Amino acid sequence: MGRRATFTEAQMRRAVKVGREIDPQSVIEVTLDGTHTAPEPKQAARNEVDNWFEK
């Protein structure tokens, strides 16, 4: 079996800090390939009133 990668607390803090600088509301995913940020998905309007307010 291969060796399992581990991250130090400092490495995790840096990854989260960089992700938050890009987008404070983003979801941060730290993987072996690097840090990825995904913006929060926009919620679909639930009814006509919500559609009107989003315009």
PDB file of N, CA and C in Angstrom:
ATOM      1  N   MET A   1       0.839  -1.194   0.000  1.00  0.00           N
ATOM      2  CA  MET A   1       0.000   0.000   0.000  1.00  0.00           C
ATOM      3  C   MET A   1       0.877   1.248   0.000  1.00  0.00           C
ATOM      4  N   GLY A   2       0.358   2.288  -0.618  1.00  0.00           N
ATOM      5  CA  GLY A   2       1.089   3.542  -0.679  1.00  0.00           C
ATOM      6  C   GLY A   2       1.028   4.300   0.634  1.00  0.00           C
ATOM      7  N   ARG A   3       1.892   5.242   0.737  1.00  0.00           N
ATOM      8  CA  ARG A   3       1.922   6.073   1.934  1.00  0.00           C
ATOM      9  C   ARG A   3       0.793   7.092   1.899  1.00  0.00           C
ATOM     10  N   ARG A   4       0.160   7.263   3.003  1.00  0.00           N
ATOM     11  CA  ARG A   4      -0.964   8.195   3.103  1.00  0.00           C
ATOM     12  C   ARG A   4      -0.449   9.615   3.316  1.00  0.00           C
ATOM     13  N   ALA A   5      -0.969  10.554   2.567  1.00  0.00           N
ATOM     14  CA  ALA A   5      -0.553  11.949   2.704  1.00  0.00           C
ATOM     15  C   ALA A   5      -1.204  12.562   3.940  1.00  0.00           C
ATOM     16  N   THR A   6      -0.468  13.372   4.633  1.00  0.00           N
ATOM     17  CA  THR A   6      -1.010  14.096   5.781  1.00  0.00           C
ATOM     18  C   THR A   6      -0.688  15.577   5.615  1.00  0.00           C
ATOM     19  N   PHE A   7      -1.503  16.395   6.202  1.00  0.00           N
ATOM     20  CA  PHE A   7      -1.320  17.839   6.149  1.00  0.00           C
ATOM     21  C   PHE A   7      -1.138  18.359   7.566  1.00  0.00           C
ATOM     22  N   THR A   8      -0.274  19.344   7.709  1.00  0.00           N
ATOM     23  CA  THR A   8      -0.115  19.969   9.017  1.00  0.00           C
ATOM     24  C   THR A   8      -1.231  20.988   9.211  1.00  0.00           C
ATOM     25  N   GLU A   9      -1.415  21.401  10.435  1.00  0.00           N
ATOM     26  CA  GLU A   9      -2.438  22.422  10.713  1.00  0.00           C
ATOM     27  C   GLU A   9      -2.112  23.711   9.969  1.00  0.00           C
ATOM     28  N   ALA A  10      -0.839  24.067   9.914  1.00  0.00           N
ATOM     29  CA  ALA A  10      -0.434  25.299   9.223  1.00  0.00           C
ATOM     30  C   ALA A  10      -0.763  25.222   7.730  1.00  0.00           C
ATOM     31  N   GLN A  11      -0.537  24.070   7.120  1.00  0.00           N
ATOM     32  CA  GLN A  11      -0.869  23.904   5.703  1.00  0.00           C
ATOM     33  C   GLN A  11      -2.377  24.042   5.475  1.00  0.00           C
ATOM     34  N   MET A  12      -3.156  23.484   6.363  1.00  0.00           N
ATOM     35  CA  MET A  12      -4.609  23.590   6.226  1.00  0.00           C
ATOM     36  C   MET A  12      -5.077  25.024   6.406  1.00  0.00           C
ATOM     37  N   ARG A  13      -4.501  25.717   7.389  1.00  0.00           N
ATOM     38  CA  ARG A  13      -4.878  27.120   7.603  1.00  0.00           C
ATOM     39  C   ARG A  13      -4.552  27.970   6.375  1.00  0.00           C
ATOM     40  N   ARG A  14      -3.384  27.740   5.772  1.00  0.00           N
ATOM     41  CA  ARG A  14      -3.007  28.496   4.571  1.00  0.00           C
ATOM     42  C   ARG A  14      -3.972  28.204   3.426  1.00  0.00           C
ATOM     43  N   ALA A  15      -4.336  26.944   3.253  1.00  0.00           N
ATOM     44  CA  ALA A  15      -5.255  26.577   2.178  1.00  0.00           C
ATOM     45  C   ALA A  15      -6.615  27.246   2.367  1.00  0.00           C
ATOM     46  N   VAL A  16      -7.113  27.239   3.584  1.00  0.00           N
ATOM     47  CA  VAL A  16      -8.413  27.870   3.863  1.00  0.00           C
ATOM     48  C   VAL A  16      -8.311  29.384   3.683  1.00  0.00           C
ATOM     49  N   LYS A  17      -7.215  29.986   4.115  1.00  0.00           N
ATOM     50  CA  LYS A  17      -7.034  31.436   3.986  1.00  0.00           C
ATOM     51  C   LYS A  17      -7.051  31.851   2.518  1.00  0.00           C
ATOM     52  N   VAL A  18      -6.330  31.121   1.685  1.00  0.00           N
ATOM     53  CA  VAL A  18      -6.297  31.436   0.255  1.00  0.00           C
ATOM     54  C   VAL A  18      -7.684  31.265  -0.357  1.00  0.00           C
ATOM     55  N   GLY A  19      -8.360  30.186   0.006  1.00  0.00           N
ATOM     56  CA  GLY A  19      -9.706  29.963  -0.518  1.00  0.00           C
ATOM     57  C   GLY A  19     -10.668  31.058  -0.113  1.00  0.00           C
ATOM     58  N   ARG A  20     -10.579  31.516   1.115  1.00  0.00           N
ATOM     59  CA  ARG A  20     -11.464  32.587   1.598  1.00  0.00           C
ATOM     60  C   ARG A  20     -11.146  33.923   0.943  1.00  0.00           C
ATOM     61  N   GLU A  21      -9.882  34.145   0.558  1.00  0.00           N
ATOM     62  CA  GLU A  21      -9.532  35.386  -0.150  1.00  0.00           C
ATOM     63  C   GLU A  21     -10.163  35.419  -1.529  1.00  0.00           C
ATOM     64  N   ILE A  22     -10.276  34.247  -2.152  1.00  0.00           N
ATOM     65  CA  ILE A  22     -10.888  34.174  -3.476  1.00  0.00           C
ATOM     66  C   ILE A  22     -12.382  34.444  -3.375  1.00  0.00           C
ATOM     67  N   ASP A  23     -13.040  33.778  -2.450  1.00  0.00           N
ATOM     68  CA  ASP A  23     -14.483  33.946  -2.268  1.00  0.00           C
ATOM     69  C   ASP A  23     -14.841  33.562  -0.835  1.00  0.00           C
ATOM     70  N   PRO A  24     -15.218  34.541  -0.009  1.00  0.00           N
ATOM     71  CA  PRO A  24     -15.512  34.253   1.401  1.00  0.00           C
ATOM     72  C   PRO A  24     -16.655  33.261   1.619  1.00  0.00           C
ATOM     73  N   GLN A  25     -17.545  33.121   0.661  1.00  0.00           N
ATOM     74  CA  GLN A  25     -18.688  32.221   0.818  1.00  0.00           C
ATOM     75  C   GLN A  25     -18.473  30.871   0.138  1.00  0.00           C
ATOM     76  N   SER A  26     -17.285  30.648  -0.394  1.00  0.00           N
ATOM     77  CA  SER A  26     -17.047  29.428  -1.161  1.00  0.00           C
ATOM     78  C   SER A  26     -16.879  28.202  -0.273  1.00  0.00           C
ATOM     79  N   VAL A  27     -17.057  27.065  -0.895  1.00  0.00           N
ATOM     80  CA  VAL A  27     -16.794  25.786  -0.254  1.00  0.00           C
ATOM     81  C   VAL A  27     -15.359  25.419  -0.629  1.00  0.00           C
ATOM     82  N   ILE A  28     -14.543  25.089   0.358  1.00  0.00           N
ATOM     83  CA  ILE A  28     -13.131  24.797   0.107  1.00  0.00           C
ATOM     84  C   ILE A  28     -12.903  23.301   0.218  1.00  0.00           C
ATOM     85  N   GLU A  29     -12.302  22.747  -0.817  1.00  0.00           N
ATOM     86  CA  GLU A  29     -11.993  21.322  -0.844  1.00  0.00           C
ATOM     87  C   GLU A  29     -10.480  21.175  -0.959  1.00  0.00           C
ATOM     88  N   VAL A  30      -9.867  20.559   0.028  1.00  0.00           N
ATOM     89  CA  VAL A  30      -8.424  20.332   0.007  1.00  0.00           C
ATOM     90  C   VAL A  30      -8.203  18.870  -0.341  1.00  0.00           C
ATOM     91  N   THR A  31      -7.518  18.641  -1.452  1.00  0.00           N
ATOM     92  CA  THR A  31      -7.240  17.280  -1.907  1.00  0.00           C
ATOM     93  C   THR A  31      -5.740  17.117  -2.099  1.00  0.00           C
ATOM     94  N   LEU A  32      -5.327  15.916  -2.419  1.00  0.00           N
ATOM     95  CA  LEU A  32      -3.915  15.676  -2.684  1.00  0.00           C
ATOM     96  C   LEU A  32      -3.440  16.433  -3.914  1.00  0.00           C
ATOM     97  N   ASP A  33      -4.358  16.765  -4.828  1.00  0.00           N
ATOM     98  CA  ASP A  33      -4.011  17.493  -6.045  1.00  0.00           C
ATOM     99  C   ASP A  33      -3.932  18.991  -5.830  1.00  0.00           C
ATOM    100  N   GLY A  34      -4.392  19.478  -4.714  1.00  0.00           N
ATOM    101  CA  GLY A  34      -4.374  20.911  -4.440  1.00  0.00           C
ATOM    102  C   GLY A  34      -5.663  21.368  -3.792  1.00  0.00           C
ATOM    103  N   THR A  35      -5.813  22.669  -3.690  1.00  0.00           N
ATOM    104  CA  THR A  35      -6.983  23.265  -3.074  1.00  0.00           C
ATOM    105  C   THR A  35      -7.923  23.756  -4.161  1.00  0.00           C
ATOM    106  N   HIS A  36      -9.178  23.422  -4.021  1.00  0.00           N
ATOM    107  CA  HIS A  36     -10.192  23.832  -4.990  1.00  0.00           C
ATOM    108  C   HIS A  36     -11.275  24.599  -4.257  1.00  0.00           C
ATOM    109  N   THR A  37     -11.768  25.648  -4.879  1.00  0.00           N
ATOM    110  CA  THR A  37     -12.889  26.377  -4.296  1.00  0.00           C
ATOM    111  C   THR A  37     -14.070  26.280  -5.244  1.00  0.00           C
ATOM    112  N   ALA A  38     -15.212  26.112  -4.675  1.00  0.00           N
ATOM    113  CA  ALA A  38     -16.445  26.047  -5.454  1.00  0.00           C
ATOM    114  C   ALA A  38     -17.415  27.052  -4.852  1.00  0.00           C
ATOM    115  N   PRO A  39     -17.915  27.986  -5.660  1.00  0.00           N
ATOM    116  CA  PRO A  39     -18.890  28.941  -5.114  1.00  0.00           C
ATOM    117  C   PRO A  39     -20.148  28.225  -4.681  1.00  0.00           C
ATOM    118  N   GLU A  40     -20.820  28.816  -3.734  1.00  0.00           N
ATOM    119  CA  GLU A  40     -22.080  28.218  -3.285  1.00  0.00           C
ATOM    120  C   GLU A  40     -23.053  28.179  -4.452  1.00  0.00           C
ATOM    121  N   PRO A  41     -23.726  27.068  -4.624  1.00  0.00           N
ATOM    122  CA  PRO A  41     -24.686  26.995  -5.725  1.00  0.00           C
ATOM    123  C   PRO A  41     -25.846  27.955  -5.483  1.00  0.00           C
ATOM    124  N   LYS A  42     -26.248  28.603  -6.538  1.00  0.00           N
ATOM    125  CA  LYS A  42     -27.384  29.516  -6.427  1.00  0.00           C
ATOM    126  C   LYS A  42     -28.651  28.685  -6.318  1.00  0.00           C
ATOM    127  N   GLN A  43     -29.454  28.997  -5.325  1.00  0.00           N
ATOM    128  CA  GLN A  43     -30.682  28.240  -5.119  1.00  0.00           C
ATOM    129  C   GLN A  43     -31.736  28.676  -6.130  1.00  0.00           C
ATOM    130  N   ALA A  44     -32.438  27.712  -6.638  1.00  0.00           N
ATOM    131  CA  ALA A  44     -33.505  27.995  -7.593  1.00  0.00           C
ATOM    132  C   ALA A  44     -34.666  28.680  -6.869  1.00  0.00           C
ATOM    133  N   ALA A  45     -35.295  29.586  -7.572  1.00  0.00           N
ATOM    134  CA  ALA A  45     -36.451  30.271  -7.001  1.00  0.00           C
ATOM    135  C   ALA A  45     -37.561  29.260  -6.739  1.00  0.00           C
ATOM    136  N   ARG A  46     -38.228  29.446  -5.626  1.00  0.00           N
ATOM    137  CA  ARG A  46     -39.258  28.483  -5.227  1.00  0.00           C
ATOM    138  C   ARG A  46     -40.635  28.810  -5.788  1.00  0.00           C
ATOM    139  N   ASN A  47     -40.884  30.080  -6.086  1.00  0.00           N
ATOM    140  CA  ASN A  47     -42.207  30.442  -6.595  1.00  0.00           C
ATOM    141  C   ASN A  47     -42.111  31.738  -7.395  1.00  0.00           C
ATOM    142  N   GLU A  48     -43.232  32.224  -7.881  1.00  0.00           N
ATOM    143  CA  GLU A  48     -43.243  33.420  -8.717  1.00  0.00           C
ATOM    144  C   GLU A  48     -42.765  34.662  -7.970  1.00  0.00           C
ATOM    145  N   VAL A  49     -43.077  34.758  -6.695  1.00  0.00           N
ATOM    146  CA  VAL A  49     -42.651  35.916  -5.902  1.00  0.00           C
ATOM    147  C   VAL A  49     -41.126  35.936  -5.793  1.00  0.00           C
ATOM    148  N   ASP A  50     -40.537  34.797  -5.520  1.00  0.00           N
ATOM    149  CA  ASP A  50     -39.078  34.724  -5.454  1.00  0.00           C
ATOM    150  C   ASP A  50     -38.456  35.071  -6.807  1.00  0.00           C
ATOM    151  N   ASN A  51     -39.056  34.589  -7.880  1.00  0.00           N
ATOM    152  CA  ASN A  51     -38.561  34.939  -9.226  1.00  0.00           C
ATOM    153  C   ASN A  51     -38.582  36.438  -9.428  1.00  0.00           C
ATOM    154  N   TRP A  52     -39.636  37.085  -9.022  1.00  0.00           N
ATOM    155  CA  TRP A  52     -39.767  38.531  -9.187  1.00  0.00           C
ATOM    156  C   TRP A  52     -38.677  39.277  -8.422  1.00  0.00           C
ATOM    157  N   PHE A  53     -38.395  38.845  -7.179  1.00  0.00           N
ATOM    158  CA  PHE A  53     -37.394  39.524  -6.366  1.00  0.00           C
ATOM    159  C   PHE A  53     -35.988  39.310  -6.890  1.00  0.00           C
ATOM    160  N   GLU A  54     -35.732  38.216  -7.575  1.00  0.00           N
ATOM    161  CA  GLU A  54     -34.394  37.937  -8.100  1.00  0.00           C
ATOM    162  C   GLU A  54     -34.085  38.722  -9.352  1.00  0.00           C
ATOM    163  N   LYS A  55     -35.069  39.329  -9.992  1.00  0.00           N
ATOM    164  CA  LYS A  55     -34.838  40.086 -11.227  1.00  0.00           C
ATOM    165  C   LYS A  55     -34.186  41.399 -10.930  1.00  0.00           C
TER     166      LYS A  55
END
